[in-house]
Protein backbone atom coordinates (compact mmCIF):
# COMPACT_ATOMS: atom_id res chain seq x y z
CA MET A 1 0.06 -0.03 0.00
CA SER A 2 1.24 3.56 -0.76
CA ALA A 3 1.45 6.05 2.12
CA ALA A 4 -1.82 7.68 1.25
CA PRO A 5 -4.48 7.09 -1.46
CA ARG A 6 -4.34 8.91 -4.74
CA ILE A 7 -7.93 10.05 -5.32
CA ALA A 8 -9.53 10.50 -8.75
CA ILE A 9 -12.74 12.57 -8.91
CA LEU A 10 -14.55 12.73 -12.24
CA ALA A 11 -17.04 15.31 -13.30
CA HIS A 12 -19.22 15.41 -16.38
CA SER A 13 -17.61 18.76 -17.69
CA THR A 14 -15.53 21.68 -16.76
CA ASN A 15 -18.55 24.16 -16.89
CA PRO A 16 -19.98 26.08 -13.84
CA ARG A 17 -22.76 23.67 -12.98
CA GLY A 18 -23.70 22.46 -9.41
CA GLY A 19 -22.14 19.03 -9.98
CA VAL A 20 -18.94 20.52 -11.28
CA VAL A 21 -18.84 23.01 -8.49
CA HIS A 22 -19.32 20.04 -5.99
CA ALA A 23 -16.54 18.10 -7.67
CA ILE A 24 -13.82 20.82 -7.50
CA GLU A 25 -14.79 21.88 -4.02
CA LEU A 26 -14.51 18.23 -2.96
CA GLY A 27 -11.15 18.19 -4.57
CA ASP A 28 -9.95 21.44 -2.93
CA ALA A 29 -11.12 20.63 0.64
CA PRO A 30 -9.34 17.30 1.09
CA THR A 31 -6.31 18.87 -0.54
CA ARG A 32 -6.23 21.44 2.18
CA LEU A 33 -6.47 18.57 4.63
CA GLY A 34 -3.34 17.00 3.05
CA HIS A 35 -4.94 14.51 0.64
CA ASP A 36 -3.81 13.84 -2.88
CA VAL A 37 -6.82 14.63 -5.16
CA THR A 38 -7.11 15.28 -8.85
CA VAL A 39 -10.32 16.28 -10.44
CA HIS A 40 -11.00 15.35 -14.03
CA GLY A 41 -13.39 16.88 -16.55
CA PRO A 42 -13.99 16.46 -20.33
CA SER A 43 -13.52 19.69 -22.32
CA ALA A 44 -13.77 20.03 -26.08
CA SER A 45 -12.11 23.47 -25.95
CA GLY A 46 -9.28 22.38 -23.72
CA ALA A 47 -9.67 25.62 -21.64
CA GLY A 48 -9.94 23.64 -18.43
CA PHE A 49 -12.17 24.19 -15.42
CA PHE A 50 -14.21 27.43 -14.98
CA ARG A 51 -12.11 28.61 -11.98
CA GLU A 52 -8.68 27.96 -10.52
CA THR A 53 -8.47 25.09 -7.92
CA VAL A 54 -6.26 24.14 -5.01
CA CYS A 55 -6.41 20.55 -6.01
CA LYS A 56 -4.74 19.14 -9.08
CA THR A 57 -7.01 19.00 -12.30
CA VAL A 58 -6.96 17.17 -15.59
CA CYS A 59 -8.72 18.50 -18.60
CA VAL A 60 -9.72 15.31 -20.43
CA PRO A 61 -9.59 15.79 -24.20
CA ALA A 62 -13.12 15.60 -25.62
CA SER A 63 -14.91 15.60 -28.87
CA PRO A 64 -17.27 18.50 -29.96
CA ALA A 65 -20.57 17.65 -28.39
CA PRO A 66 -23.68 17.05 -30.67
CA ARG A 67 -27.02 18.56 -29.79
CA ASP A 68 -28.55 15.13 -29.27
CA VAL A 69 -28.22 14.42 -25.61
CA ARG A 70 -27.90 10.68 -25.82
CA LEU A 71 -25.25 10.89 -28.47
CA MET A 72 -23.49 13.62 -26.32
CA ALA A 73 -23.61 11.33 -23.22
CA GLU A 74 -22.19 8.37 -25.15
CA MET A 75 -19.48 10.51 -26.70
CA ARG A 76 -18.36 11.93 -23.30
CA ILE A 77 -18.35 8.34 -21.91
CA ALA A 78 -16.14 7.33 -24.89
CA ASP A 79 -13.92 10.43 -24.40
CA TYR A 80 -13.27 9.26 -20.65
CA LEU A 81 -12.56 5.61 -21.83
CA ARG A 82 -10.18 6.70 -24.56
CA PHE A 83 -8.25 8.75 -21.93
CA PHE A 84 -8.17 6.09 -19.14
CA GLU A 85 -7.34 3.14 -21.38
CA HIS A 86 -3.64 4.50 -20.99
CA ALA A 87 -2.21 3.05 -17.90
CA GLN A 88 -0.29 6.19 -17.04
CA ASN A 89 -3.67 8.04 -16.64
CA ARG A 90 -5.05 5.40 -14.17
CA ARG A 91 -2.45 5.86 -11.43
CA PHE A 92 -5.08 6.25 -8.62
CA ASP A 93 -6.17 4.26 -5.74
CA VAL A 94 -9.77 5.53 -5.24
CA TRP A 95 -12.13 6.46 -7.99
CA HIS A 96 -15.19 8.71 -7.50
CA ALA A 97 -17.73 9.66 -10.18
CA GLN A 98 -19.83 12.75 -9.70
CA ASP A 99 -22.52 12.03 -12.44
CA GLY A 100 -23.82 9.45 -14.85
CA ILE A 101 -21.49 10.07 -17.68
CA SER A 102 -18.31 9.52 -15.48
CA GLY A 103 -20.15 6.74 -13.63
CA ASN A 104 -20.66 4.87 -16.82
CA ALA A 105 -17.04 5.40 -17.84
CA LEU A 106 -15.83 3.99 -14.48
CA ALA A 107 -18.32 1.09 -14.71
CA THR A 108 -16.79 0.09 -18.16
CA LEU A 109 -13.30 0.35 -16.79
CA LYS A 110 -14.21 -1.73 -13.83
CA GLN A 111 -15.92 -4.28 -16.15
CA ARG A 112 -12.73 -4.50 -18.19
CA ASN A 113 -10.69 -5.05 -14.92
CA LEU A 114 -8.72 -1.78 -15.53
CA ILE A 115 -9.72 -0.29 -12.13
CA GLY A 116 -11.17 -1.85 -8.95
CA ALA A 117 -14.11 -0.54 -6.98
CA PHE A 118 -15.51 3.04 -7.39
CA ALA A 119 -18.00 5.41 -5.60
CA ARG A 120 -20.65 7.46 -7.16
CA THR A 121 -22.32 10.66 -6.00
CA VAL A 122 -25.99 10.73 -6.90
CA PRO A 123 -27.18 14.44 -6.54
CA HIS A 124 -30.54 13.67 -8.13
CA VAL A 125 -32.13 11.31 -10.58
CA ASP A 126 -33.59 12.64 -13.91
CA ASP A 127 -36.70 11.45 -15.71
CA PHE A 128 -35.36 10.77 -19.22
CA ALA A 129 -37.89 10.07 -21.98
CA ASP A 130 -35.02 8.44 -23.95
CA GLN A 131 -34.77 4.80 -22.81
CA ARG A 132 -31.15 4.55 -23.56
CA LEU A 133 -30.31 7.59 -21.41
CA GLY A 134 -32.46 6.06 -18.64
CA ALA A 135 -30.58 2.76 -18.92
CA LEU A 136 -27.17 4.67 -18.74
CA GLN A 137 -28.37 6.49 -15.64
CA ARG A 138 -29.46 3.33 -13.94
CA ARG A 139 -26.11 1.58 -14.91
CA ALA A 140 -24.03 4.34 -13.40
CA ILE A 141 -25.76 3.83 -10.12
CA ALA A 142 -26.00 0.09 -9.97
CA ALA A 143 -22.47 -0.63 -11.02
CA ALA A 144 -21.02 1.66 -8.26
CA ASP A 145 -19.69 -0.03 -5.21
CA ARG A 146 -20.57 2.81 -2.86
CA LEU A 147 -22.94 5.68 -3.21
CA PHE A 148 -23.12 9.23 -1.87
CA ALA A 149 -26.12 11.50 -1.75
CA VAL A 150 -26.26 15.15 -0.93
CA SER A 151 -29.67 15.04 0.83
CA ARG A 152 -31.82 12.73 2.87
CA PHE A 153 -34.59 13.01 0.15
CA TRP A 154 -32.32 11.28 -2.50
CA ARG A 155 -30.74 9.00 0.04
CA ASP A 156 -34.27 7.77 0.77
CA TRP A 157 -35.08 7.55 -3.00
CA LEU A 158 -32.10 5.38 -3.63
CA GLU A 159 -33.10 2.99 -0.76
CA ASN A 160 -36.82 2.94 -1.67
CA GLU A 161 -36.56 2.68 -5.51
CA LEU A 162 -33.34 0.89 -5.93
CA GLY A 163 -32.49 -0.84 -2.64
CA ARG A 164 -29.15 0.95 -2.51
CA ASP A 165 -27.64 2.50 0.66
CA ALA A 166 -25.97 5.77 0.35
CA VAL A 167 -23.87 8.01 2.70
CA ILE A 168 -25.25 11.52 3.09
CA VAL A 169 -22.34 13.99 2.55
CA GLY A 170 -24.23 17.28 2.16
CA ASN A 171 -22.84 20.38 0.53
CA GLY A 172 -20.96 23.49 1.38
CA VAL A 173 -20.28 27.10 0.53
CA ASP A 174 -16.87 29.03 0.23
CA LEU A 175 -17.25 31.93 2.62
CA ARG A 176 -14.04 33.38 1.37
CA ARG A 177 -15.49 33.67 -2.12
CA PHE A 178 -19.11 34.57 -1.34
CA SER A 179 -19.85 37.34 1.20
CA PRO A 180 -21.72 40.59 1.57
CA HIS A 181 -18.47 42.56 1.43
CA GLY A 182 -17.93 44.34 -1.95
CA ASP A 183 -14.81 44.69 -3.98
CA ASP A 184 -13.71 46.18 -7.29
CA THR A 185 -15.89 43.71 -9.22
CA ASP A 186 -19.11 45.10 -8.00
CA ALA A 187 -19.09 48.28 -10.01
CA GLN A 188 -17.71 46.17 -13.05
CA LEU A 189 -20.63 43.77 -12.87
CA ARG A 190 -23.35 46.46 -12.41
CA GLY A 191 -21.93 48.44 -15.39
CA ARG A 192 -21.76 45.21 -17.48
CA LEU A 193 -25.50 44.51 -16.84
CA ASP A 194 -26.57 48.25 -16.73
CA LEU A 195 -28.15 47.95 -13.32
CA GLN A 196 -27.44 51.58 -12.22
CA SER A 197 -31.22 52.52 -12.25
CA ALA A 198 -32.62 49.08 -11.50
CA LYS A 199 -34.54 48.53 -8.21
CA PRO A 200 -35.21 45.95 -7.06
CA VAL A 201 -33.25 43.29 -8.76
CA PHE A 202 -34.35 39.66 -8.55
CA LEU A 203 -31.64 37.05 -9.38
CA ALA A 204 -32.23 33.50 -10.54
CA ILE A 205 -29.33 31.17 -11.39
CA GLY A 206 -29.52 27.96 -13.49
CA GLY A 207 -30.43 29.37 -16.90
CA VAL A 208 -33.79 28.89 -18.78
CA GLU A 209 -34.46 25.35 -18.05
CA GLU A 210 -37.61 23.38 -17.20
CA ARG A 211 -36.30 21.93 -13.99
CA LYS A 212 -35.18 25.36 -12.83
CA ASN A 213 -38.81 26.67 -13.53
CA ALA A 214 -37.68 29.72 -15.33
CA LEU A 215 -41.28 30.15 -16.81
CA GLY A 216 -42.75 30.17 -13.39
CA MET A 217 -40.29 32.82 -12.10
CA LEU A 218 -40.83 34.94 -15.26
CA LYS A 219 -44.68 34.96 -14.83
CA ALA A 220 -44.29 35.81 -11.11
CA PHE A 221 -41.87 38.63 -12.04
CA ALA A 222 -44.33 40.04 -14.49
CA ARG A 223 -47.04 40.10 -11.78
CA LEU A 224 -44.67 42.28 -9.67
CA HIS A 225 -43.36 44.55 -12.38
CA GLY A 226 -46.24 46.78 -12.41
CA LYS A 227 -45.80 47.78 -8.80
CA TYR A 228 -41.96 48.02 -9.28
CA PRO A 229 -41.51 49.46 -12.86
CA GLN A 230 -37.76 49.80 -12.38
CA SER A 231 -37.22 46.18 -11.29
CA ARG A 232 -35.25 43.69 -13.12
CA LEU A 233 -35.16 39.81 -13.29
CA ILE A 234 -31.59 38.48 -13.95
CA ILE A 235 -31.43 34.94 -15.03
CA ALA A 236 -27.88 33.77 -14.98
CA GLY A 237 -25.99 30.57 -15.81
CA GLY A 238 -27.26 27.84 -18.10
CA ALA A 239 -23.98 25.98 -19.08
CA SER A 240 -25.76 22.68 -19.54
CA LEU A 241 -24.96 19.70 -21.48
CA LEU A 242 -28.67 18.91 -21.89
CA ASP A 243 -30.82 20.26 -24.74
CA HIS A 244 -33.21 22.93 -23.48
CA ASP A 245 -34.12 24.41 -26.89
CA ALA A 246 -37.82 23.60 -26.82
CA TYR A 247 -38.22 25.08 -23.28
CA GLN A 248 -36.31 28.14 -24.29
CA VAL A 249 -38.60 28.78 -27.22
CA ARG A 250 -41.55 28.48 -24.81
CA PHE A 251 -39.93 31.01 -22.56
CA ALA A 252 -39.29 33.47 -25.33
CA GLY A 253 -42.91 33.24 -26.35
CA ALA A 254 -44.09 33.84 -22.78
CA LEU A 255 -41.74 36.68 -22.36
CA ALA A 256 -43.05 38.37 -25.48
CA GLU A 257 -46.68 37.98 -24.16
CA THR A 258 -45.80 39.72 -20.87
CA ASN A 259 -45.20 43.13 -22.66
CA LEU A 260 -42.39 43.75 -20.18
CA PRO A 261 -39.78 46.37 -21.20
CA VAL A 262 -37.00 44.97 -23.29
CA ASP A 263 -34.52 45.52 -20.47
CA ALA A 264 -36.69 44.01 -17.65
CA VAL A 265 -35.37 40.51 -18.08
CA ILE A 266 -31.59 40.00 -18.43
CA ARG A 267 -30.27 36.54 -19.47
CA THR A 268 -26.60 36.62 -18.83
CA GLY A 269 -25.63 33.15 -19.81
CA PRO A 270 -22.58 31.84 -17.88
CA LEU A 271 -20.58 34.65 -16.36
CA PRO A 272 -16.80 34.72 -15.55
CA GLN A 273 -16.41 33.11 -12.10
CA GLU A 274 -14.74 36.03 -10.72
CA LEU A 275 -17.98 38.18 -11.22
CA MET A 276 -20.31 35.71 -9.53
CA PRO A 277 -19.98 37.06 -6.00
CA ALA A 278 -20.63 40.55 -7.26
CA LEU A 279 -23.62 39.30 -9.19
CA TYR A 280 -25.26 38.22 -5.96
CA ARG A 281 -24.36 41.35 -4.14
CA ALA A 282 -25.94 43.38 -7.16
CA ALA A 283 -29.27 41.56 -6.43
CA THR A 284 -32.01 42.64 -3.98
CA ALA A 285 -33.36 39.09 -3.60
CA PHE A 286 -32.69 35.62 -4.86
CA VAL A 287 -35.45 33.54 -6.23
CA PHE A 288 -35.09 29.74 -6.82
CA ALA A 289 -38.54 28.34 -7.41
CA SER A 290 -36.91 25.15 -8.78
CA LEU A 291 -39.14 22.03 -9.46
CA ARG A 292 -36.47 19.49 -8.61
CA GLU A 293 -33.03 19.71 -7.09
CA GLY A 294 -30.32 17.64 -5.68
CA PHE A 295 -29.43 20.28 -3.06
CA GLY A 296 -29.37 23.77 -4.52
CA LEU A 297 -25.77 25.08 -3.93
CA VAL A 298 -26.75 28.57 -5.26
CA VAL A 299 -29.14 29.00 -2.32
CA LEU A 300 -26.08 28.78 0.06
CA GLU A 301 -24.10 31.07 -2.08
CA ALA A 302 -26.95 33.69 -2.05
CA MET A 303 -27.27 33.48 1.76
CA ALA A 304 -23.49 33.81 2.20
CA SER A 305 -23.73 36.91 0.06
CA GLY A 306 -26.47 38.47 2.39
CA LEU A 307 -29.44 37.95 0.02
CA PRO A 308 -32.92 37.11 1.22
CA VAL A 309 -34.05 33.99 -0.64
CA ALA A 310 -37.38 32.91 -1.98
CA VAL A 311 -37.36 29.17 -2.52
CA SER A 312 -39.62 26.22 -3.36
CA ARG A 313 -41.06 24.48 -0.33
CA ILE A 314 -39.88 21.02 -1.47
CA ALA A 315 -37.25 18.67 -0.37
CA PRO A 316 -34.25 18.87 -0.19
CA PHE A 317 -34.73 22.65 0.70
CA THR A 318 -36.95 21.70 3.66
CA GLU A 319 -34.22 19.61 4.98
CA TYR A 320 -31.70 22.29 5.65
CA LEU A 321 -33.85 25.60 5.62
CA GLY A 322 -36.15 26.51 8.43
CA ASP A 323 -39.54 28.22 8.17
CA ASP A 324 -38.06 31.56 9.22
CA GLU A 325 -34.91 31.42 7.11
CA VAL A 326 -36.33 31.85 3.73
CA SER A 327 -39.50 33.03 2.01
CA TRP A 328 -41.27 29.79 0.91
CA CYS A 329 -43.30 29.39 -2.29
CA ASP A 330 -45.28 26.61 -4.21
CA PRO A 331 -43.27 26.37 -7.35
CA LEU A 332 -46.33 25.24 -9.37
CA ASP A 333 -48.27 28.41 -8.37
CA THR A 334 -47.34 31.64 -10.01
CA ALA A 335 -49.14 33.75 -7.32
CA SER A 336 -47.21 31.92 -4.56
CA ILE A 337 -43.89 32.57 -6.30
CA ALA A 338 -44.80 36.22 -6.74
CA ALA A 339 -45.96 36.53 -3.02
CA ALA A 340 -42.63 34.96 -1.84
CA MET A 341 -40.57 37.52 -4.06
CA ALA A 342 -42.57 40.32 -2.64
CA ARG A 343 -42.13 39.14 0.99
CA SER A 344 -38.34 39.20 0.25
CA LEU A 345 -38.64 42.89 -0.27
CA ASP A 346 -40.38 43.82 2.89
CA PRO A 347 -37.79 45.83 4.93
CA ALA A 348 -38.73 44.30 8.34
CA ARG A 349 -38.46 40.80 7.04
CA ARG A 350 -35.31 41.40 5.07
CA ILE A 351 -33.19 42.15 8.14
CA GLY A 352 -34.16 38.79 9.67
CA LEU A 353 -33.89 36.87 6.46
CA ARG A 354 -30.45 38.29 5.83
CA ALA A 355 -29.06 37.55 9.48
CA ARG A 356 -30.63 33.99 9.46
CA GLY A 357 -29.36 33.29 5.98
CA LEU A 358 -25.80 34.17 6.91
CA ALA A 359 -26.04 31.80 9.78
CA VAL A 360 -27.28 28.93 7.42
CA ALA A 361 -24.39 29.58 5.21
CA ALA A 362 -21.95 29.41 8.11
CA ARG A 363 -23.19 26.05 8.99
CA HIS A 364 -22.26 24.46 5.71
CA ASP A 365 -18.67 23.85 5.25
CA TRP A 366 -16.80 22.13 2.48
CA ILE A 367 -14.22 20.66 4.89
CA ALA A 368 -17.02 18.91 6.77
CA THR A 369 -18.32 17.65 3.47
CA ALA A 370 -15.04 16.37 2.47
CA ARG A 371 -14.58 14.51 5.83
CA ALA A 372 -17.93 12.85 5.20
CA HIS A 373 -16.31 11.01 2.21
CA LEU A 374 -13.12 10.01 3.89
CA ALA A 375 -14.19 6.74 5.66
CA THR A 376 -15.61 5.37 2.31
CA TYR A 377 -12.47 6.42 0.47
CA GLU A 378 -10.50 4.50 3.01
CA GLU A 379 -12.69 1.45 2.66
CA LEU A 380 -12.39 1.39 -1.19
CA TRP A 381 -8.61 1.85 -0.93
CA GLU A 382 -8.34 -1.04 1.40
CA ARG A 383 -10.52 -3.26 -0.78
CA VAL A 384 -8.51 -2.55 -3.94
CA ASP A 385 -5.09 -3.11 -2.23
CA ALA A 386 -6.20 -6.14 -0.21
């Protein structure tokens, strides 16, 4: 046995999505504790991960992704297999997949006896209409030797639906990066998005996607805009490997029907990572009326930035957020979303929501999340070296 395990963490891409954020934070935190971690991610551009890391990273050469989601997933699996078929790229003791793409790659490597056991994080399970995608998703879970879940909801789902045990590891937030304290990027961000006269500013992160309920938040914002004619809704992010074209067409049609001013809704797409803390600070409130989530990392980032949060009253949010810590809404009810957004603007409530939100963020630490993985890593290491 080597002195310490060499840990390989695999993400589905290098883009700023929740699963990739989790992967690189899970690489950084154990590295700070003295562990040897390398995070991998496929990238067609070769540009690498969306931010600098403390841990080592490897940008896996990837083919240009087709629009078809199934073909894209199969291509990314093949990219990983092509990379790891070379023995010099497999010098690791512990293997950990963060998603279905990398999970399938590790399942095949294990099937070929090129690696031993591997772990898999299951942040959530999608409902794929494509049977092949559904089969790939199930295989990436079934073939894993150990499972991690970020919430009780998905831990229980894995047990009830698939008969699999999972270790709950939770999530964290980097309080050094996200805070209420401004810097030189604040003015840069406000100028870039032309927010000088905007008030209030509602922020949603995740792009225009059905699971994120962008349509529901748009309709709720339209209800409030008459009372707040200078208000803005910023929808940021959206660096997804999935095809959301049809939903985005619906969103564009609904936006046109609202008759909102052309500058009332701002879609930024993915922003440079160095501007993300300033984006939170530029907002008046954060709205996250999502229909399904694994955890919702951006909620913690918003709270750490001092923002009142309006969020769906669904698990997993109900697991780690109390009744007085956020403004709750029914994500299927436009009026409920609008009411939650309006409550987040109430001066008296904002003071309490801000203070309690900062306390919630302080409870979620990436070091604690990393430590929740270590016993399983040790077990996998011992099994492979036995």
